[in-house]
């Protein structure tokens, strides 16, 4: 959520205008066993739409006016350096030019801690 938009926009006179937005992220992680843990989370971002950055983005298909995302995952450590995981993510967004999009995906990981 925090890096979902550019931090600034440049106008025709080469002036920089900051992006302003509010975010909230909530989550809970539970350790079921020494090898299995899971997280359930939610995040929301709403950009301010009454500033110069927003005015410059009125035709942008990539900058988010608002978005939310929820996720749930499970991580398994069969032994110390190995972690295996699966995650489901769902989210929706609206851009400054009032287009809507959906993020609906599964992620899988395998990591080795050196």
C-alpha atoms as a PDB file:
ATOM      1  CA  UNK A   1       0.000   0.000   0.000  1.00  0.00           C
ATOM      2  CA  UNK A   2       2.683   2.503   0.913  1.00  0.00           C
ATOM      3  CA  UNK A   3       4.428   2.327  -2.468  1.00  0.00           C
ATOM      4  CA  UNK A   4       1.313   2.016  -4.609  1.00  0.00           C
ATOM      5  CA  UNK A   5       1.634   5.569  -6.064  1.00  0.00           C
ATOM      6  CA  UNK A   6       4.409   7.906  -7.049  1.00  0.00           C
ATOM      7  CA  UNK A   7       5.585  10.146  -4.248  1.00  0.00           C
ATOM      8  CA  UNK A   8       5.394  13.265  -6.402  1.00  0.00           C
ATOM      9  CA  UNK A   9       4.367  14.695  -9.791  1.00  0.00           C
ATOM     10  CA  UNK A  10       6.129  17.305 -11.923  1.00  0.00           C
ATOM     11  CA  UNK A  11       4.060  20.037 -13.602  1.00  0.00           C
ATOM     12  CA  UNK A  12       4.790  21.912 -16.860  1.00  0.00           C
ATOM     13  CA  UNK A  13       6.966  24.476 -15.020  1.00  0.00           C
ATOM     14  CA  UNK A  14       9.129  21.712 -13.493  1.00  0.00           C
ATOM     15  CA  UNK A  15       7.629  22.194 -10.019  1.00  0.00           C
ATOM     16  CA  UNK A  16       7.349  19.138  -7.806  1.00  0.00           C
ATOM     17  CA  UNK A  17       4.030  18.399  -6.055  1.00  0.00           C
ATOM     18  CA  UNK A  18       3.851  15.808  -3.266  1.00  0.00           C
ATOM     19  CA  UNK A  19       1.369  12.994  -3.183  1.00  0.00           C
ATOM     20  CA  UNK A  20      -0.689  12.989   0.013  1.00  0.00           C
ATOM     21  CA  UNK A  21      -2.629   9.973   1.204  1.00  0.00           C
ATOM     22  CA  UNK A  22      -3.870   8.197   4.304  1.00  0.00           C
ATOM     23  CA  UNK A  23      -3.328   4.495   4.931  1.00  0.00           C
ATOM     24  CA  UNK A  24      -4.260   1.900   7.479  1.00  0.00           C
ATOM     25  CA  UNK A  25      -2.970  -1.657   7.744  1.00  0.00           C
ATOM     26  CA  UNK A  26      -4.210  -4.195  10.233  1.00  0.00           C
ATOM     27  CA  UNK A  27      -3.181  -7.775  10.699  1.00  0.00           C
ATOM     28  CA  UNK A  28      -2.845 -10.632  13.080  1.00  0.00           C
ATOM     29  CA  UNK A  29      -0.309 -13.451  13.046  1.00  0.00           C
ATOM     30  CA  UNK A  30      -0.814 -16.683  14.942  1.00  0.00           C
ATOM     31  CA  UNK A  31       1.801 -19.370  15.662  1.00  0.00           C
ATOM     32  CA  UNK A  32      -0.138 -22.666  15.558  1.00  0.00           C
ATOM     33  CA  UNK A  33       2.892 -24.900  16.177  1.00  0.00           C
ATOM     34  CA  UNK A  34       6.649 -24.230  16.250  1.00  0.00           C
ATOM     35  CA  UNK A  35       6.650 -25.007  12.499  1.00  0.00           C
ATOM     36  CA  UNK A  36       3.361 -23.420  11.287  1.00  0.00           C
ATOM     37  CA  UNK A  37       2.232 -19.802  11.442  1.00  0.00           C
ATOM     38  CA  UNK A  38      -0.352 -17.756   9.579  1.00  0.00           C
ATOM     39  CA  UNK A  39      -1.238 -14.105   9.013  1.00  0.00           C
ATOM     40  CA  UNK A  40      -4.543 -12.439   8.171  1.00  0.00           C
ATOM     41  CA  UNK A  41      -4.248  -8.820   7.070  1.00  0.00           C
ATOM     42  CA  UNK A  42      -6.071  -5.856   5.546  1.00  0.00           C
ATOM     43  CA  UNK A  43      -4.835  -2.563   4.143  1.00  0.00           C
ATOM     44  CA  UNK A  44      -6.537   0.570   2.804  1.00  0.00           C
ATOM     45  CA  UNK A  45      -5.167   3.681   1.073  1.00  0.00           C
ATOM     46  CA  UNK A  46      -7.045   6.843   0.097  1.00  0.00           C
ATOM     47  CA  UNK A  47      -5.236   9.640  -1.722  1.00  0.00           C
ATOM     48  CA  UNK A  48      -6.204  13.256  -1.177  1.00  0.00           C
ATOM     49  CA  UNK A  49      -7.920  14.463  -4.335  1.00  0.00           C
ATOM     50  CA  UNK A  50      -8.027  18.218  -3.659  1.00  0.00           C
ATOM     51  CA  UNK A  51      -4.345  19.070  -4.209  1.00  0.00           C
ATOM     52  CA  UNK A  52      -2.059  19.805  -7.171  1.00  0.00           C
ATOM     53  CA  UNK A  53      -0.758  16.209  -7.341  1.00  0.00           C
ATOM     54  CA  UNK A  54      -4.326  14.944  -7.819  1.00  0.00           C
ATOM     55  CA  UNK A  55      -5.030  17.584 -10.471  1.00  0.00           C
ATOM     56  CA  UNK A  56      -1.986  16.418 -12.444  1.00  0.00           C
ATOM     57  CA  UNK A  57      -3.166  12.789 -12.191  1.00  0.00           C
ATOM     58  CA  UNK A  58      -6.756  13.258 -13.450  1.00  0.00           C
ATOM     59  CA  UNK A  59      -5.960  11.285 -16.626  1.00  0.00           C
ATOM     60  CA  UNK A  60      -3.612   8.771 -15.005  1.00  0.00           C
ATOM     61  CA  UNK A  61      -4.461   5.098 -15.387  1.00  0.00           C
ATOM     62  CA  UNK A  62      -1.646   4.048 -13.018  1.00  0.00           C
ATOM     63  CA  UNK A  63      -2.020   6.282  -9.932  1.00  0.00           C
ATOM     64  CA  UNK A  64      -4.486   5.057  -7.309  1.00  0.00           C
ATOM     65  CA  UNK A  65      -7.098   7.352  -5.823  1.00  0.00           C
ATOM     66  CA  UNK A  66      -8.045   4.608  -3.389  1.00  0.00           C
ATOM     67  CA  UNK A  67      -7.391   0.919  -2.910  1.00  0.00           C
ATOM     68  CA  UNK A  68      -7.845  -1.859  -0.412  1.00  0.00           C
ATOM     69  CA  UNK A  69      -6.279  -5.283  -0.128  1.00  0.00           C
ATOM     70  CA  UNK A  70      -6.767  -8.294   2.111  1.00  0.00           C
ATOM     71  CA  UNK A  71      -4.520 -11.316   2.457  1.00  0.00           C
ATOM     72  CA  UNK A  72      -4.151 -14.585   4.301  1.00  0.00           C
ATOM     73  CA  UNK A  73      -1.085 -16.802   4.318  1.00  0.00           C
ATOM     74  CA  UNK A  74       0.405 -19.870   5.909  1.00  0.00           C
ATOM     75  CA  UNK A  75       4.123 -20.483   6.440  1.00  0.00           C
ATOM     76  CA  UNK A  76       5.698 -23.825   7.267  1.00  0.00           C
ATOM     77  CA  UNK A  77       9.237 -24.353   8.630  1.00  0.00           C
ATOM     78  CA  UNK A  78       9.946 -28.095   8.313  1.00  0.00           C
ATOM     79  CA  UNK A  79      13.401 -27.396   9.800  1.00  0.00           C
ATOM     80  CA  UNK A  80      15.392 -24.269  10.681  1.00  0.00           C
ATOM     81  CA  UNK A  81      16.718 -22.777   7.390  1.00  0.00           C
ATOM     82  CA  UNK A  82      13.745 -23.754   5.146  1.00  0.00           C
ATOM     83  CA  UNK A  83      10.428 -21.866   4.914  1.00  0.00           C
ATOM     84  CA  UNK A  84       7.590 -22.845   2.582  1.00  0.00           C
ATOM     85  CA  UNK A  85       4.511 -20.690   2.198  1.00  0.00           C
ATOM     86  CA  UNK A  86       1.309 -19.997   0.354  1.00  0.00           C
ATOM     87  CA  UNK A  87      -0.708 -16.781   0.299  1.00  0.00           C
ATOM     88  CA  UNK A  88      -4.009 -15.590  -1.142  1.00  0.00           C
ATOM     89  CA  UNK A  89      -4.451 -11.860  -1.919  1.00  0.00           C
ATOM     90  CA  UNK A  90      -7.587 -10.012  -3.017  1.00  0.00           C
ATOM     91  CA  UNK A  91      -7.896  -6.286  -3.536  1.00  0.00           C
ATOM     92  CA  UNK A  92      -9.646  -3.561  -5.489  1.00  0.00           C
ATOM     93  CA  UNK A  93      -8.521  -0.122  -6.655  1.00  0.00           C
ATOM     94  CA  UNK A  94      -9.823   3.042  -8.269  1.00  0.00           C
ATOM     95  CA  UNK A  95      -7.493   5.288 -10.264  1.00  0.00           C
ATOM     96  CA  UNK A  96      -7.662   9.086 -10.524  1.00  0.00           C
ATOM     97  CA  UNK A  97      -9.415   8.737 -13.906  1.00  0.00           C
ATOM     98  CA  UNK A  98     -12.134   6.585 -12.205  1.00  0.00           C
ATOM     99  CA  UNK A  99     -11.079   3.201 -13.597  1.00  0.00           C
ATOM    100  CA  UNK A 100     -11.440   0.152 -11.368  1.00  0.00           C
ATOM    101  CA  UNK A 101      -9.198  -2.875 -11.082  1.00  0.00           C
ATOM    102  CA  UNK A 102      -9.073  -6.131  -9.150  1.00  0.00           C
ATOM    103  CA  UNK A 103      -6.074  -7.962  -7.709  1.00  0.00           C
ATOM    104  CA  UNK A 104      -6.883 -11.645  -7.164  1.00  0.00           C
ATOM    105  CA  UNK A 105      -3.909 -14.020  -6.847  1.00  0.00           C
ATOM    106  CA  UNK A 106      -2.144 -16.881  -5.104  1.00  0.00           C
ATOM    107  CA  UNK A 107       1.536 -16.600  -4.181  1.00  0.00           C
ATOM    108  CA  UNK A 108       3.900 -19.380  -3.196  1.00  0.00           C
ATOM    109  CA  UNK A 109       7.362 -19.124  -1.654  1.00  0.00           C
ATOM    110  CA  UNK A 110      10.267 -21.331  -0.813  1.00  0.00           C
ATOM    111  CA  UNK A 111      13.117 -19.663   1.062  1.00  0.00           C
ATOM    112  CA  UNK A 112      16.389 -20.747   2.574  1.00  0.00           C
ATOM    113  CA  UNK A 113      17.980 -18.669   5.352  1.00  0.00           C
ATOM    114  CA  UNK A 114      21.758 -18.592   5.022  1.00  0.00           C
END
